[in-house]
C-alpha cells in the first residue's frame, strides 16, 4: 500500500509539474523532463567532477552554466537551482548591452547562492577598430573607462558588490588584450573590491588573443571558442577555415596553463546544430576526430563534442542551457569526460 501510494504521488507530481512547465512556454520534451525529475522518476545524475581554474585556485565544476541567453528574457530560478544542487558551482553571465536582462534575472538566485559559487561576468572593451587594426592610446583609455563602467552597471543589475571574474568579452584585438590602460582599469576595480580575477572571452582571432594573454601574465582565465575540429569562427558560425584540429593545440594550452590561466571552452557543439531550419547543421561534423571506441560511446553528438574538448586540454566548458533536457545532457558529458580520456592533463578532482 505504501509503495502504491508513493507511486501515485510521484505520478501526480509528474503530471502537475509537467503541465505547469508546459504552460510557462517550455517545449513538450523539456516539460516532461522537468516533471520526471521533480517526481523522482528520472535516472540519477552522475557525480560532477572538478578542476582547479588556473591561479584562481577555485575548484570548478567542469560544466559552467552560461546564463546569458537562458536569462536574457526571463527568470529561470528552478533551472539554476537544479544545476547548483547537481554540483555546478560556476555561473557565467554578461552585461545588459548584449544579454538584455540576464544579470537582472540572475539576481534572485545570487541572493541565495552567491557565497557558494564562482560568478563570472563580462563586457566588451568598446574600441571602434577591426581586430587587425591598432587603436590609439587615447582610444584605449576611453575604452578602458567604459569597460570599467560596464562592471559597475553589472554589479547594480545583479544587486551585488563583487564578481569573482570579469572578462574582456569578444576579445579579438591583440593590442586591446595587452593594453596597459585596460589592465590599470581592472586593477583599480580589483583594489576597490569589485572583482578578483581578469579573463578574456574570445571567438575570433582566438589563437592570437590567447597567445597575447599568456604573454602579458595578467590573465587568470580564458574562455575560448574551440571545437574538436578546430577553432570556431564567430563570423561564419563554422570551424575557422584552415584551422588545425583541436588535438594539435595541446602545446598552446599547456603554455596557458603554465602561465596560470584556467581554460574554459565555449561553442564546442554549436556547429553541430548550425541553423537546422536552413539545413546547415551537421551532427557528424567532428566524427573524423574521434576514435572508433569513442564513437561507440552512448553519447549524443553534442555530448561527444563536450567530452572531447574537456579531454583535450580544457579545464571546463561553458554551455548555454535553456531547459532541463539540455542541462542534464551537458552535465552528463562533462561529468563523465574523464572516463573516456583518462590521461588528459590535470586529472579531474572527484
C-alpha atoms as a PDB file:
ATOM      1  CA  UNK A   1       0.000   0.000   0.000  1.00  0.00           C
ATOM      2  CA  UNK A   2       2.835   2.366   0.924  1.00  0.00           C
ATOM      3  CA  UNK A   3       4.599   1.658  -2.371  1.00  0.00           C
ATOM      4  CA  UNK A   4       1.382   2.152  -4.325  1.00  0.00           C
ATOM      5  CA  UNK A   5       0.760   5.453  -2.569  1.00  0.00           C
ATOM      6  CA  UNK A   6       4.332   6.587  -3.296  1.00  0.00           C
ATOM      7  CA  UNK A   7       3.933   5.685  -6.964  1.00  0.00           C
ATOM      8  CA  UNK A   8       0.618   7.522  -7.115  1.00  0.00           C
ATOM      9  CA  UNK A   9       2.147  10.651  -5.560  1.00  0.00           C
ATOM     10  CA  UNK A  10       5.118  10.503  -7.935  1.00  0.00           C
ATOM     11  CA  UNK A  11       2.896  10.364 -10.988  1.00  0.00           C
ATOM     12  CA  UNK A  12       0.670  13.107  -9.587  1.00  0.00           C
ATOM     13  CA  UNK A  13       3.743  15.303  -9.147  1.00  0.00           C
ATOM     14  CA  UNK A  14       4.950  14.361 -12.622  1.00  0.00           C
ATOM     15  CA  UNK A  15       1.653  15.409 -14.189  1.00  0.00           C
ATOM     16  CA  UNK A  16       1.383  18.643 -12.234  1.00  0.00           C
ATOM     17  CA  UNK A  17       4.935  19.863 -12.779  1.00  0.00           C
ATOM     18  CA  UNK A  18       4.926  18.859 -16.449  1.00  0.00           C
ATOM     19  CA  UNK A  19       1.705  20.755 -17.070  1.00  0.00           C
ATOM     20  CA  UNK A  20       2.921  23.828 -15.191  1.00  0.00           C
ATOM     21  CA  UNK A  21       6.212  23.832 -17.102  1.00  0.00           C
ATOM     22  CA  UNK A  22       4.416  23.483 -20.414  1.00  0.00           C
ATOM     23  CA  UNK A  23       2.148  26.400 -19.574  1.00  0.00           C
ATOM     24  CA  UNK A  24       5.213  28.575 -18.950  1.00  0.00           C
ATOM     25  CA  UNK A  25       6.177  28.176 -22.586  1.00  0.00           C
ATOM     26  CA  UNK A  26       8.658  25.298 -22.459  1.00  0.00           C
ATOM     27  CA  UNK A  27       8.546  22.629 -25.123  1.00  0.00           C
ATOM     28  CA  UNK A  28       6.950  19.249 -24.522  1.00  0.00           C
ATOM     29  CA  UNK A  29      10.272  17.439 -24.114  1.00  0.00           C
ATOM     30  CA  UNK A  30      11.517  19.929 -21.530  1.00  0.00           C
ATOM     31  CA  UNK A  31       8.181  19.850 -19.685  1.00  0.00           C
ATOM     32  CA  UNK A  32       8.224  16.055 -19.446  1.00  0.00           C
ATOM     33  CA  UNK A  33      11.844  16.013 -18.312  1.00  0.00           C
ATOM     34  CA  UNK A  34      11.137  18.579 -15.608  1.00  0.00           C
ATOM     35  CA  UNK A  35       8.163  16.543 -14.418  1.00  0.00           C
ATOM     36  CA  UNK A  36      10.173  13.315 -14.264  1.00  0.00           C
ATOM     37  CA  UNK A  37      12.961  14.986 -12.283  1.00  0.00           C
ATOM     38  CA  UNK A  38      10.531  16.601  -9.825  1.00  0.00           C
ATOM     39  CA  UNK A  39       8.737  13.294  -9.285  1.00  0.00           C
ATOM     40  CA  UNK A  40      11.901  11.246  -8.815  1.00  0.00           C
ATOM     41  CA  UNK A  41      11.146   9.142 -11.904  1.00  0.00           C
ATOM     42  CA  UNK A  42      14.235  10.071 -13.938  1.00  0.00           C
ATOM     43  CA  UNK A  43      17.568   8.163 -13.898  1.00  0.00           C
ATOM     44  CA  UNK A  44      20.075   9.566 -11.380  1.00  0.00           C
ATOM     45  CA  UNK A  45      22.610  12.184 -12.419  1.00  0.00           C
ATOM     46  CA  UNK A  46      26.301  11.222 -12.307  1.00  0.00           C
ATOM     47  CA  UNK A  47      28.545  12.980  -9.826  1.00  0.00           C
ATOM     48  CA  UNK A  48      30.125  16.150 -11.211  1.00  0.00           C
ATOM     49  CA  UNK A  49      33.919  16.326 -11.464  1.00  0.00           C
ATOM     50  CA  UNK A  50      36.026  19.404 -10.789  1.00  0.00           C
ATOM     51  CA  UNK A  51      39.198  21.162 -11.885  1.00  0.00           C
ATOM     52  CA  UNK A  52      41.213  23.988 -10.372  1.00  0.00           C
ATOM     53  CA  UNK A  53      40.888  27.039 -12.630  1.00  0.00           C
ATOM     54  CA  UNK A  54      44.450  28.260 -13.003  1.00  0.00           C
ATOM     55  CA  UNK A  55      45.767  30.576 -10.364  1.00  0.00           C
ATOM     56  CA  UNK A  56      42.270  31.428  -9.171  1.00  0.00           C
ATOM     57  CA  UNK A  57      42.670  28.302  -7.028  1.00  0.00           C
ATOM     58  CA  UNK A  58      38.958  27.618  -7.377  1.00  0.00           C
ATOM     59  CA  UNK A  59      37.835  24.002  -7.803  1.00  0.00           C
ATOM     60  CA  UNK A  60      35.283  24.482 -10.538  1.00  0.00           C
ATOM     61  CA  UNK A  61      32.695  22.140 -11.947  1.00  0.00           C
ATOM     62  CA  UNK A  62      33.745  21.033 -15.415  1.00  0.00           C
ATOM     63  CA  UNK A  63      30.418  22.314 -16.705  1.00  0.00           C
ATOM     64  CA  UNK A  64      29.793  26.049 -16.404  1.00  0.00           C
ATOM     65  CA  UNK A  65      26.260  27.387 -16.593  1.00  0.00           C
ATOM     66  CA  UNK A  66      26.113  30.033 -19.322  1.00  0.00           C
ATOM     67  CA  UNK A  67      23.320  32.337 -18.186  1.00  0.00           C
ATOM     68  CA  UNK A  68      23.287  34.934 -20.956  1.00  0.00           C
ATOM     69  CA  UNK A  69      20.798  33.531 -23.443  1.00  0.00           C
ATOM     70  CA  UNK A  70      18.922  31.482 -20.851  1.00  0.00           C
ATOM     71  CA  UNK A  71      18.097  34.510 -18.709  1.00  0.00           C
ATOM     72  CA  UNK A  72      18.012  37.313 -21.262  1.00  0.00           C
ATOM     73  CA  UNK A  73      14.220  37.477 -21.400  1.00  0.00           C
ATOM     74  CA  UNK A  74      13.003  35.679 -18.263  1.00  0.00           C
ATOM     75  CA  UNK A  75      13.945  34.218 -14.909  1.00  0.00           C
ATOM     76  CA  UNK A  76      14.883  30.549 -14.705  1.00  0.00           C
ATOM     77  CA  UNK A  77      15.163  30.040 -10.952  1.00  0.00           C
ATOM     78  CA  UNK A  78      14.177  26.361 -10.957  1.00  0.00           C
ATOM     79  CA  UNK A  79      16.781  25.529 -13.622  1.00  0.00           C
ATOM     80  CA  UNK A  80      19.535  27.471 -11.853  1.00  0.00           C
ATOM     81  CA  UNK A  81      18.871  25.798  -8.520  1.00  0.00           C
ATOM     82  CA  UNK A  82      18.681  22.381 -10.172  1.00  0.00           C
ATOM     83  CA  UNK A  83      22.094  22.983 -11.718  1.00  0.00           C
ATOM     84  CA  UNK A  84      23.539  24.119  -8.383  1.00  0.00           C
ATOM     85  CA  UNK A  85      22.046  21.207  -6.461  1.00  0.00           C
ATOM     86  CA  UNK A  86      23.511  18.776  -9.013  1.00  0.00           C
ATOM     87  CA  UNK A  87      27.012  20.174  -8.477  1.00  0.00           C
ATOM     88  CA  UNK A  88      27.538  23.104 -10.871  1.00  0.00           C
ATOM     89  CA  UNK A  89      29.337  25.861  -8.992  1.00  0.00           C
ATOM     90  CA  UNK A  90      30.381  28.298 -11.761  1.00  0.00           C
ATOM     91  CA  UNK A  91      27.871  30.631 -13.402  1.00  0.00           C
ATOM     92  CA  UNK A  92      28.719  32.917 -16.324  1.00  0.00           C
ATOM     93  CA  UNK A  93      26.674  35.923 -17.409  1.00  0.00           C
ATOM     94  CA  UNK A  94      27.254  39.193 -19.267  1.00  0.00           C
ATOM     95  CA  UNK A  95      26.352  42.858 -19.437  1.00  0.00           C
ATOM     96  CA  UNK A  96      22.912  44.126 -20.367  1.00  0.00           C
ATOM     97  CA  UNK A  97      24.067  45.788 -23.581  1.00  0.00           C
ATOM     98  CA  UNK A  98      24.337  42.329 -25.134  1.00  0.00           C
ATOM     99  CA  UNK A  99      22.399  39.949 -22.882  1.00  0.00           C
ATOM    100  CA  UNK A 100      19.446  42.243 -22.113  1.00  0.00           C
ATOM    101  CA  UNK A 101      18.052  41.367 -18.647  1.00  0.00           C
ATOM    102  CA  UNK A 102      20.182  38.296 -17.932  1.00  0.00           C
ATOM    103  CA  UNK A 103      22.037  39.822 -14.987  1.00  0.00           C
ATOM    104  CA  UNK A 104      18.842  41.248 -13.510  1.00  0.00           C
ATOM    105  CA  UNK A 105      17.151  37.845 -13.800  1.00  0.00           C
ATOM    106  CA  UNK A 106      20.128  36.165 -12.133  1.00  0.00           C
ATOM    107  CA  UNK A 107      19.863  38.389  -9.046  1.00  0.00           C
ATOM    108  CA  UNK A 108      17.296  36.300  -7.100  1.00  0.00           C
ATOM    109  CA  UNK A 109      19.442  33.169  -7.488  1.00  0.00           C
ATOM    110  CA  UNK A 110      22.534  35.083  -6.392  1.00  0.00           C
ATOM    111  CA  UNK A 111      20.764  36.292  -3.270  1.00  0.00           C
ATOM    112  CA  UNK A 112      20.524  32.655  -2.158  1.00  0.00           C
ATOM    113  CA  UNK A 113      23.721  31.173  -3.621  1.00  0.00           C
ATOM    114  CA  UNK A 114      26.306  33.929  -4.182  1.00  0.00           C
ATOM    115  CA  UNK A 115      28.699  32.824  -1.441  1.00  0.00           C
ATOM    116  CA  UNK A 116      28.750  29.237  -2.706  1.00  0.00           C
ATOM    117  CA  UNK A 117      29.521  29.813  -6.382  1.00  0.00           C
ATOM    118  CA  UNK A 118      32.151  31.338  -8.660  1.00  0.00           C
ATOM    119  CA  UNK A 119      30.499  34.157 -10.607  1.00  0.00           C
ATOM    120  CA  UNK A 120      31.772  35.481 -13.945  1.00  0.00           C
ATOM    121  CA  UNK A 121      30.520  38.496 -15.869  1.00  0.00           C
ATOM    122  CA  UNK A 122      31.863  40.159 -18.983  1.00  0.00           C
ATOM    123  CA  UNK A 123      31.608  43.170 -21.254  1.00  0.00           C
ATOM    124  CA  UNK A 124      33.207  44.331 -24.450  1.00  0.00           C
ATOM    125  CA  UNK A 125      36.090  46.763 -24.329  1.00  0.00           C
ATOM    126  CA  UNK A 126      34.462  49.194 -26.772  1.00  0.00           C
ATOM    127  CA  UNK A 127      37.192  50.099 -29.237  1.00  0.00           C
ATOM    128  CA  UNK A 128      35.860  51.039 -32.664  1.00  0.00           C
ATOM    129  CA  UNK A 129      38.552  49.148 -34.534  1.00  0.00           C
ATOM    130  CA  UNK A 130      38.693  45.913 -36.502  1.00  0.00           C
ATOM    131  CA  UNK A 131      40.502  43.014 -34.899  1.00  0.00           C
ATOM    132  CA  UNK A 132      43.596  43.678 -37.028  1.00  0.00           C
ATOM    133  CA  UNK A 133      43.734  47.461 -36.529  1.00  0.00           C
ATOM    134  CA  UNK A 134      45.732  49.138 -33.772  1.00  0.00           C
ATOM    135  CA  UNK A 135      43.838  51.623 -31.569  1.00  0.00           C
ATOM    136  CA  UNK A 136      45.486  54.753 -30.224  1.00  0.00           C
ATOM    137  CA  UNK A 137      46.380  55.232 -26.581  1.00  0.00           C
ATOM    138  CA  UNK A 138      43.592  57.803 -26.266  1.00  0.00           C
ATOM    139  CA  UNK A 139      41.072  55.319 -27.672  1.00  0.00           C
ATOM    140  CA  UNK A 140      42.281  52.649 -25.251  1.00  0.00           C
ATOM    141  CA  UNK A 141      41.945  54.982 -22.264  1.00  0.00           C
ATOM    142  CA  UNK A 142      38.356  55.826 -23.169  1.00  0.00           C
ATOM    143  CA  UNK A 143      37.516  52.187 -23.849  1.00  0.00           C
ATOM    144  CA  UNK A 144      39.039  51.085 -20.526  1.00  0.00           C
ATOM    145  CA  UNK A 145      36.937  53.650 -18.655  1.00  0.00           C
ATOM    146  CA  UNK A 146      33.766  52.434 -20.354  1.00  0.00           C
ATOM    147  CA  UNK A 147      34.662  48.764 -19.698  1.00  0.00           C
ATOM    148  CA  UNK A 148      35.075  49.628 -16.028  1.00  0.00           C
ATOM    149  CA  UNK A 149      31.735  51.478 -16.025  1.00  0.00           C
ATOM    150  CA  UNK A 150      30.058  48.415 -17.524  1.00  0.00           C
ATOM    151  CA  UNK A 151      31.248  46.446 -14.484  1.00  0.00           C
ATOM    152  CA  UNK A 152      29.523  48.938 -12.182  1.00  0.00           C
ATOM    153  CA  UNK A 153      26.327  48.537 -14.199  1.00  0.00           C
ATOM    154  CA  UNK A 154      26.560  44.759 -13.947  1.00  0.00           C
ATOM    155  CA  UNK A 155      27.021  44.848 -10.182  1.00  0.00           C
ATOM    156  CA  UNK A 156      23.945  47.053  -9.893  1.00  0.00           C
ATOM    157  CA  UNK A 157      21.906  44.748 -12.148  1.00  0.00           C
ATOM    158  CA  UNK A 158      22.832  41.710 -10.026  1.00  0.00           C
ATOM    159  CA  UNK A 159      22.467  43.618  -6.724  1.00  0.00           C
ATOM    160  CA  UNK A 160      25.903  42.532  -5.529  1.00  0.00           C
ATOM    161  CA  UNK A 161      29.211  44.192  -4.653  1.00  0.00           C
ATOM    162  CA  UNK A 162      31.694  41.868  -6.352  1.00  0.00           C
ATOM    163  CA  UNK A 163      32.106  39.296  -9.119  1.00  0.00           C
ATOM    164  CA  UNK A 164      34.770  36.637  -8.975  1.00  0.00           C
ATOM    165  CA  UNK A 165      35.935  37.270 -12.543  1.00  0.00           C
ATOM    166  CA  UNK A 166      35.397  39.900 -15.209  1.00  0.00           C
ATOM    167  CA  UNK A 167      36.175  39.233 -18.870  1.00  0.00           C
ATOM    168  CA  UNK A 168      37.100  41.283 -21.870  1.00  0.00           C
ATOM    169  CA  UNK A 169      34.180  39.977 -23.928  1.00  0.00           C
ATOM    170  CA  UNK A 170      34.649  39.185 -27.606  1.00  0.00           C
ATOM    171  CA  UNK A 171      38.392  39.836 -27.305  1.00  0.00           C
ATOM    172  CA  UNK A 172      39.965  39.649 -30.759  1.00  0.00           C
ATOM    173  CA  UNK A 173      42.350  42.599 -30.973  1.00  0.00           C
ATOM    174  CA  UNK A 174      45.739  41.706 -29.506  1.00  0.00           C
ATOM    175  CA  UNK A 175      46.548  45.356 -28.793  1.00  0.00           C
ATOM    176  CA  UNK A 176      43.433  45.642 -26.641  1.00  0.00           C
ATOM    177  CA  UNK A 177      44.145  42.327 -24.901  1.00  0.00           C
ATOM    178  CA  UNK A 178      47.625  43.534 -23.970  1.00  0.00           C
ATOM    179  CA  UNK A 179      46.597  47.111 -23.187  1.00  0.00           C
ATOM    180  CA  UNK A 180      48.096  48.683 -20.075  1.00  0.00           C
ATOM    181  CA  UNK A 181      45.148  51.083 -19.973  1.00  0.00           C
ATOM    182  CA  UNK A 182      42.676  48.214 -19.693  1.00  0.00           C
ATOM    183  CA  UNK A 183      44.849  46.426 -17.183  1.00  0.00           C
ATOM    184  CA  UNK A 184      45.034  49.512 -14.979  1.00  0.00           C
ATOM    185  CA  UNK A 185      41.246  49.852 -15.104  1.00  0.00           C
ATOM    186  CA  UNK A 186      40.932  46.276 -13.930  1.00  0.00           C
ATOM    187  CA  UNK A 187      43.471  46.759 -11.134  1.00  0.00           C
ATOM    188  CA  UNK A 188      41.535  49.796  -9.910  1.00  0.00           C
ATOM    189  CA  UNK A 189      38.318  47.773  -9.830  1.00  0.00           C
ATOM    190  CA  UNK A 190      40.109  44.963  -8.010  1.00  0.00           C
ATOM    191  CA  UNK A 191      41.540  47.364  -5.436  1.00  0.00           C
ATOM    192  CA  UNK A 192      38.018  48.678  -4.878  1.00  0.00           C
ATOM    193  CA  UNK A 193      36.821  45.141  -4.105  1.00  0.00           C
ATOM    194  CA  UNK A 194      34.616  44.843  -7.196  1.00  0.00           C
ATOM    195  CA  UNK A 195      36.381  41.876  -8.808  1.00  0.00           C
ATOM    196  CA  UNK A 196      39.071  39.287  -8.115  1.00  0.00           C
ATOM    197  CA  UNK A 197      40.230  37.895 -11.464  1.00  0.00           C
ATOM    198  CA  UNK A 198      40.563  39.107 -15.062  1.00  0.00           C
ATOM    199  CA  UNK A 199      39.870  36.997 -18.107  1.00  0.00           C
ATOM    200  CA  UNK A 200      39.122  37.086 -21.809  1.00  0.00           C
ATOM    201  CA  UNK A 201      36.305  35.604 -23.830  1.00  0.00           C
ATOM    202  CA  UNK A 202      37.251  35.132 -27.482  1.00  0.00           C
ATOM    203  CA  UNK A 203      35.717  33.561 -30.569  1.00  0.00           C
ATOM    204  CA  UNK A 204      37.527  35.455 -33.315  1.00  0.00           C
ATOM    205  CA  UNK A 205      41.304  35.580 -33.786  1.00  0.00           C
ATOM    206  CA  UNK A 206      41.231  33.386 -30.689  1.00  0.00           C
ATOM    207  CA  UNK A 207      44.642  31.778 -31.056  1.00  0.00           C
ATOM    208  CA  UNK A 208      46.381  35.146 -31.263  1.00  0.00           C
ATOM    209  CA  UNK A 209      44.257  36.586 -28.438  1.00  0.00           C
ATOM    210  CA  UNK A 210      45.079  33.665 -26.144  1.00  0.00           C
ATOM    211  CA  UNK A 211      48.769  33.886 -27.041  1.00  0.00           C
ATOM    212  CA  UNK A 212      48.816  37.590 -26.154  1.00  0.00           C
ATOM    213  CA  UNK A 213      47.000  36.905 -22.883  1.00  0.00           C
ATOM    214  CA  UNK A 214      49.688  34.358 -21.985  1.00  0.00           C
ATOM    215  CA  UNK A 215      52.446  36.842 -22.804  1.00  0.00           C
ATOM    216  CA  UNK A 216      51.022  39.572 -20.564  1.00  0.00           C
ATOM    217  CA  UNK A 217      50.909  37.413 -17.461  1.00  0.00           C
ATOM    218  CA  UNK A 218      47.868  39.423 -16.380  1.00  0.00           C
ATOM    219  CA  UNK A 219      45.052  36.976 -17.048  1.00  0.00           C
ATOM    220  CA  UNK A 220      43.678  34.279 -14.789  1.00  0.00           C
ATOM    221  CA  UNK A 221      41.035  32.844 -17.143  1.00  0.00           C
ATOM    222  CA  UNK A 222      40.420  32.463 -20.854  1.00  0.00           C
ATOM    223  CA  UNK A 223      37.173  31.293 -22.434  1.00  0.00           C
ATOM    224  CA  UNK A 224      37.939  30.196 -25.976  1.00  0.00           C
ATOM    225  CA  UNK A 225      35.679  29.103 -28.822  1.00  0.00           C
ATOM    226  CA  UNK A 226      37.117  25.761 -29.871  1.00  0.00           C
ATOM    227  CA  UNK A 227      35.646  22.567 -31.282  1.00  0.00           C
ATOM    228  CA  UNK A 228      37.058  19.071 -31.807  1.00  0.00           C
ATOM    229  CA  UNK A 229      37.700  20.100 -35.416  1.00  0.00           C
ATOM    230  CA  UNK A 230      39.498  23.353 -34.615  1.00  0.00           C
ATOM    231  CA  UNK A 231      38.821  26.984 -33.776  1.00  0.00           C
ATOM    232  CA  UNK A 232      35.207  28.162 -34.044  1.00  0.00           C
ATOM    233  CA  UNK A 233      34.786  31.345 -36.076  1.00  0.00           C
ATOM    234  CA  UNK A 234      32.182  33.889 -34.959  1.00  0.00           C
ATOM    235  CA  UNK A 235      31.708  35.419 -38.394  1.00  0.00           C
ATOM    236  CA  UNK A 236      30.985  32.210 -40.312  1.00  0.00           C
ATOM    237  CA  UNK A 237      29.487  30.256 -37.375  1.00  0.00           C
ATOM    238  CA  UNK A 238      31.630  27.344 -38.547  1.00  0.00           C
ATOM    239  CA  UNK A 239      35.064  25.921 -37.866  1.00  0.00           C
ATOM    240  CA  UNK A 240      37.634  28.533 -38.877  1.00  0.00           C
ATOM    241  CA  UNK A 241      38.833  27.783 -42.424  1.00  0.00           C
ATOM    242  CA  UNK A 242      42.328  26.353 -42.328  1.00  0.00           C
ATOM    243  CA  UNK A 243      42.238  25.681 -38.586  1.00  0.00           C
ATOM    244  CA  UNK A 244      44.239  22.738 -37.314  1.00  0.00           C
ATOM    245  CA  UNK A 245      42.180  20.187 -35.348  1.00  0.00           C
ATOM    246  CA  UNK A 246      41.992  20.574 -31.602  1.00  0.00           C
ATOM    247  CA  UNK A 247      44.265  17.660 -30.736  1.00  0.00           C
ATOM    248  CA  UNK A 248      47.223  19.614 -32.179  1.00  0.00           C
ATOM    249  CA  UNK A 249      46.642  22.591 -29.851  1.00  0.00           C
ATOM    250  CA  UNK A 250      47.997  20.977 -26.698  1.00  0.00           C
ATOM    251  CA  UNK A 251      51.286  22.967 -26.680  1.00  0.00           C
ATOM    252  CA  UNK A 252      49.359  26.255 -26.651  1.00  0.00           C
ATOM    253  CA  UNK A 253      47.022  25.030 -23.932  1.00  0.00           C
ATOM    254  CA  UNK A 254      49.959  23.805 -21.867  1.00  0.00           C
ATOM    255  CA  UNK A 255      51.595  27.232 -22.147  1.00  0.00           C
ATOM    256  CA  UNK A 256      48.394  28.868 -20.958  1.00  0.00           C
ATOM    257  CA  UNK A 257      48.106  26.507 -18.017  1.00  0.00           C
ATOM    258  CA  UNK A 258      51.771  27.014 -17.081  1.00  0.00           C
ATOM    259  CA  UNK A 259      51.191  30.785 -17.070  1.00  0.00           C
ATOM    260  CA  UNK A 260      48.367  30.350 -14.552  1.00  0.00           C
ATOM    261  CA  UNK A 261      45.403  30.649 -16.919  1.00  0.00           C
ATOM    262  CA  UNK A 262      42.377  28.443 -16.375  1.00  0.00           C
ATOM    263  CA  UNK A 263      40.977  27.344 -19.752  1.00  0.00           C
ATOM    264  CA  UNK A 264      37.252  27.261 -20.450  1.00  0.00           C
ATOM    265  CA  UNK A 265      35.730  26.164 -23.747  1.00  0.00           C
ATOM    266  CA  UNK A 266      32.662  27.503 -25.493  1.00  0.00           C
ATOM    267  CA  UNK A 267      30.898  26.837 -28.798  1.00  0.00           C
ATOM    268  CA  UNK A 268      32.145  23.235 -28.666  1.00  0.00           C
ATOM    269  CA  UNK A 269      28.997  21.838 -30.251  1.00  0.00           C
ATOM    270  CA  UNK A 270      27.423  24.933 -31.829  1.00  0.00           C
ATOM    271  CA  UNK A 271      28.408  23.996 -35.384  1.00  0.00           C
ATOM    272  CA  UNK A 272      26.694  20.623 -34.990  1.00  0.00           C
ATOM    273  CA  UNK A 273      23.340  22.333 -34.687  1.00  0.00           C
ATOM    274  CA  UNK A 274      24.054  25.176 -37.058  1.00  0.00           C
ATOM    275  CA  UNK A 275      20.734  26.555 -38.195  1.00  0.00           C
ATOM    276  CA  UNK A 276      18.782  23.387 -38.638  1.00  0.00           C
ATOM    277  CA  UNK A 277      15.783  25.058 -40.278  1.00  0.00           C
ATOM    278  CA  UNK A 278      18.145  26.064 -43.088  1.00  0.00           C
ATOM    279  CA  UNK A 279      19.680  22.626 -43.280  1.00  0.00           C
ATOM    280  CA  UNK A 280      23.070  23.893 -42.126  1.00  0.00           C
ATOM    281  CA  UNK A 281      23.598  21.613 -39.133  1.00  0.00           C
ATOM    282  CA  UNK A 282      25.860  18.561 -39.343  1.00  0.00           C
ATOM    283  CA  UNK A 283      25.738  16.281 -36.261  1.00  0.00           C
ATOM    284  CA  UNK A 284      28.546  14.135 -37.714  1.00  0.00           C
ATOM    285  CA  UNK A 285      30.898  17.028 -38.476  1.00  0.00           C
ATOM    286  CA  UNK A 286      33.541  16.020 -35.935  1.00  0.00           C
ATOM    287  CA  UNK A 287      33.375  12.251 -36.274  1.00  0.00           C
ATOM    288  CA  UNK A 288      36.654  12.222 -38.153  1.00  0.00           C
ATOM    289  CA  UNK A 289      38.404  13.443 -34.999  1.00  0.00           C
ATOM    290  CA  UNK A 290      37.123  10.600 -32.832  1.00  0.00           C
ATOM    291  CA  UNK A 291      38.447   7.113 -32.248  1.00  0.00           C
ATOM    292  CA  UNK A 292      36.275   4.115 -33.089  1.00  0.00           C
ATOM    293  CA  UNK A 293      35.809   3.364 -29.387  1.00  0.00           C
ATOM    294  CA  UNK A 294      34.705   6.909 -28.591  1.00  0.00           C
ATOM    295  CA  UNK A 295      32.202   6.838 -31.437  1.00  0.00           C
ATOM    296  CA  UNK A 296      30.656   3.768 -29.816  1.00  0.00           C
ATOM    297  CA  UNK A 297      30.066   5.608 -26.521  1.00  0.00           C
ATOM    298  CA  UNK A 298      26.423   6.142 -25.611  1.00  0.00           C
ATOM    299  CA  UNK A 299      26.605   9.897 -26.138  1.00  0.00           C
ATOM    300  CA  UNK A 300      24.759  12.298 -28.381  1.00  0.00           C
ATOM    301  CA  UNK A 301      26.835  14.282 -30.924  1.00  0.00           C
ATOM    302  CA  UNK A 302      26.675  17.284 -28.610  1.00  0.00           C
ATOM    303  CA  UNK A 303      27.747  15.286 -25.555  1.00  0.00           C
ATOM    304  CA  UNK A 304      30.595  13.823 -27.570  1.00  0.00           C
ATOM    305  CA  UNK A 305      31.890  17.273 -28.550  1.00  0.00           C
ATOM    306  CA  UNK A 306      31.836  18.496 -24.940  1.00  0.00           C
ATOM    307  CA  UNK A 307      33.519  15.374 -23.586  1.00  0.00           C
ATOM    308  CA  UNK A 308      36.173  15.597 -26.293  1.00  0.00           C
ATOM    309  CA  UNK A 309      37.212  19.220 -25.694  1.00  0.00           C
ATOM    310  CA  UNK A 310      37.398  18.535 -21.964  1.00  0.00           C
ATOM    311  CA  UNK A 311      39.629  15.564 -22.703  1.00  0.00           C
ATOM    312  CA  UNK A 312      41.992  17.572 -24.884  1.00  0.00           C
ATOM    313  CA  UNK A 313      43.291  20.393 -22.746  1.00  0.00           C
ATOM    314  CA  UNK A 314      40.405  22.393 -21.290  1.00  0.00           C
ATOM    315  CA  UNK A 315      39.531  22.658 -17.619  1.00  0.00           C
ATOM    316  CA  UNK A 316      35.818  23.331 -18.078  1.00  0.00           C
ATOM    317  CA  UNK A 317      33.251  24.039 -20.758  1.00  0.00           C
ATOM    318  CA  UNK A 318      30.614  26.763 -20.799  1.00  0.00           C
ATOM    319  CA  UNK A 319      27.208  25.797 -22.172  1.00  0.00           C
ATOM    320  CA  UNK A 320      24.054  27.773 -22.849  1.00  0.00           C
ATOM    321  CA  UNK A 321      21.299  25.655 -21.270  1.00  0.00           C
ATOM    322  CA  UNK A 322      17.751  26.911 -21.501  1.00  0.00           C
ATOM    323  CA  UNK A 323      15.890  23.857 -20.233  1.00  0.00           C
ATOM    324  CA  UNK A 324      16.375  20.742 -18.128  1.00  0.00           C
ATOM    325  CA  UNK A 325      16.922  18.480 -21.150  1.00  0.00           C
ATOM    326  CA  UNK A 326      19.959  20.483 -22.252  1.00  0.00           C
ATOM    327  CA  UNK A 327      21.232  20.873 -18.715  1.00  0.00           C
ATOM    328  CA  UNK A 328      21.240  17.161 -17.976  1.00  0.00           C
ATOM    329  CA  UNK A 329      22.627  16.227 -21.386  1.00  0.00           C
ATOM    330  CA  UNK A 330      25.582  18.591 -20.989  1.00  0.00           C
ATOM    331  CA  UNK A 331      26.024  17.696 -17.334  1.00  0.00           C
ATOM    332  CA  UNK A 332      26.463  14.007 -18.146  1.00  0.00           C
ATOM    333  CA  UNK A 333      29.056  14.782 -20.825  1.00  0.00           C
ATOM    334  CA  UNK A 334      31.122  16.997 -18.531  1.00  0.00           C
ATOM    335  CA  UNK A 335      30.850  14.711 -15.516  1.00  0.00           C
ATOM    336  CA  UNK A 336      31.955  11.614 -17.446  1.00  0.00           C
ATOM    337  CA  UNK A 337      34.532  13.050 -19.869  1.00  0.00           C
ATOM    338  CA  UNK A 338      37.448  11.749 -17.812  1.00  0.00           C
ATOM    339  CA  UNK A 339      36.198   8.180 -18.233  1.00  0.00           C
ATOM    340  CA  UNK A 340      36.761   8.444 -21.983  1.00  0.00           C
ATOM    341  CA  UNK A 341      40.033  10.386 -21.755  1.00  0.00           C
ATOM    342  CA  UNK A 342      41.683   9.234 -18.509  1.00  0.00           C
ATOM    343  CA  UNK A 343      45.135  10.502 -19.460  1.00  0.00           C
ATOM    344  CA  UNK A 344      44.067  14.102 -20.003  1.00  0.00           C
ATOM    345  CA  UNK A 345      46.340  16.682 -18.276  1.00  0.00           C
ATOM    346  CA  UNK A 346      45.274  17.827 -14.829  1.00  0.00           C
ATOM    347  CA  UNK A 347      43.125  14.908 -13.751  1.00  0.00           C
ATOM    348  CA  UNK A 348      39.583  15.740 -12.716  1.00  0.00           C
ATOM    349  CA  UNK A 349      39.011  16.043  -8.996  1.00  0.00           C
ATOM    350  CA  UNK A 350      36.176  13.857  -7.761  1.00  0.00           C
END
